[in-house]
Amino acid sequence: MSNPTPEVCDLRPTELVAKLGMSRSYASELVKRKKTPSLEMAARIEREFGVPLSAWIPGKAGDGAEDVAGQDMGGEGACPAAASPGKIVEVSGEA
């Protein structure tokens, strides 16, 4: 069985800062999908962490944001709640 492909939600800002030398605030914005990296930075993230370039394409996470590097990507709903450890998510309104 193969490991699943890492996604943006799997990244940690501290790892991006340590391995790629970006600022903590920029790394945090990337992980929260409030910003999208340049093509060069996305390629570096892919090489270092295995997150594919396609993970940064707006709309993949259903956010409908613009496809412009460095611009606001909305951030809302970009990472599923299930990606946050310890968070309980109600799947259905039925008990």
Protein backbone atom coordinates (compact mmCIF):
# COMPACT_ATOMS: atom_id res chain seq x y z
CA MET A 1 0.00 0.00 0.00
CA SER A 2 1.41 3.41 -0.96
CA ASN A 3 1.40 6.53 1.17
CA PRO A 4 -1.11 9.21 0.19
CA THR A 5 0.21 12.30 -1.56
CA PRO A 6 0.86 15.09 0.97
CA GLU A 7 -1.47 18.07 0.75
CA VAL A 8 -1.21 21.72 1.72
CA CYS A 9 -3.00 20.94 5.01
CA ASP A 10 -0.19 18.52 5.91
CA LEU A 11 2.40 21.30 5.90
CA ARG A 12 3.55 23.04 9.08
CA PRO A 13 4.69 26.68 8.92
CA THR A 14 7.71 25.91 11.11
CA GLU A 15 8.90 23.29 8.59
CA LEU A 16 8.53 25.74 5.69
CA VAL A 17 10.51 28.36 7.59
CA ALA A 18 13.28 25.94 8.59
CA LYS A 19 13.73 24.21 5.24
CA LEU A 20 12.89 26.96 2.75
CA GLY A 21 13.87 30.11 4.63
CA MET A 22 10.56 31.95 4.24
CA SER A 23 9.06 34.20 6.88
CA ARG A 24 6.81 32.66 9.52
CA SER A 25 3.88 34.90 8.54
CA TYR A 26 4.15 33.99 4.83
CA ALA A 27 4.45 30.28 5.68
CA SER A 28 1.34 30.53 7.85
CA GLU A 29 -0.60 32.26 5.05
CA LEU A 30 0.41 29.51 2.61
CA VAL A 31 -0.72 26.70 4.92
CA LYS A 32 -4.02 28.47 5.61
CA ARG A 33 -4.34 29.02 1.82
CA LYS A 34 -4.69 32.75 2.27
CA LYS A 35 -1.84 33.12 -0.24
CA THR A 36 -0.56 31.00 -3.09
CA PRO A 37 3.17 30.61 -3.73
CA SER A 38 5.00 31.61 -6.87
CA LEU A 39 5.62 28.78 -9.30
CA GLU A 40 9.25 28.64 -8.19
CA MET A 41 8.29 28.39 -4.49
CA ALA A 42 5.59 25.79 -5.22
CA ALA A 43 8.22 23.71 -7.05
CA ARG A 44 10.58 24.00 -4.04
CA ILE A 45 7.75 22.90 -1.72
CA GLU A 46 7.06 19.95 -4.02
CA ARG A 47 10.72 18.87 -4.02
CA GLU A 48 11.12 19.24 -0.25
CA PHE A 49 7.75 18.02 1.05
CA GLY A 50 6.12 16.12 -1.82
CA VAL A 51 3.12 18.44 -2.09
CA PRO A 52 2.31 18.50 -5.82
CA LEU A 53 2.11 21.73 -7.78
CA SER A 54 -1.55 20.93 -8.49
CA ALA A 55 -2.33 21.31 -4.76
CA TRP A 56 -1.99 25.09 -5.17
CA ILE A 57 -4.50 25.40 -8.01
CA PRO A 58 -7.44 27.48 -6.77
CA GLY A 59 -10.73 25.66 -6.80
CA LYS A 60 -9.15 22.31 -5.92
CA ALA A 61 -10.13 23.00 -2.32
CA GLY A 62 -13.42 24.51 -3.44
CA ASP A 63 -12.48 28.05 -2.48
CA GLY A 64 -13.06 29.65 -5.91
CA ALA A 65 -10.13 32.05 -5.44
CA GLU A 66 -8.18 33.78 -8.18
CA ASP A 67 -5.21 32.07 -9.84
CA VAL A 68 -2.66 34.79 -9.15
CA ALA A 69 0.55 34.04 -7.24
CA GLY A 70 0.79 35.91 -3.97
CA GLN A 71 -2.84 37.05 -4.02
CA ASP A 72 -5.46 36.37 -1.39
CA MET A 73 -6.95 32.91 -1.94
CA GLY A 74 -9.85 33.33 0.46
CA GLY A 75 -8.67 30.74 2.94
CA GLU A 76 -12.20 29.80 3.94
CA GLY A 77 -12.79 26.07 3.80
CA ALA A 78 -9.44 25.37 2.17
CA CYS A 79 -8.49 22.63 4.63
CA PRO A 80 -11.11 20.16 5.77
CA ALA A 81 -11.88 20.27 9.47
CA ALA A 82 -10.87 16.61 9.69
CA ALA A 83 -7.28 17.69 8.99
CA SER A 84 -7.15 19.33 12.42
CA PRO A 85 -6.27 16.67 15.02
CA GLY A 86 -8.66 16.46 17.93
CA LYS A 87 -11.46 18.38 16.24
CA ILE A 88 -14.85 16.66 16.19
CA VAL A 89 -16.82 17.18 13.02
CA GLU A 90 -20.51 16.36 12.63
CA VAL A 91 -20.99 14.65 9.30
CA SER A 92 -24.74 14.37 9.23
CA GLY A 93 -27.65 16.07 10.95
CA GLU A 94 -29.10 12.64 11.79
CA ALA A 95 -28.31 10.99 15.10
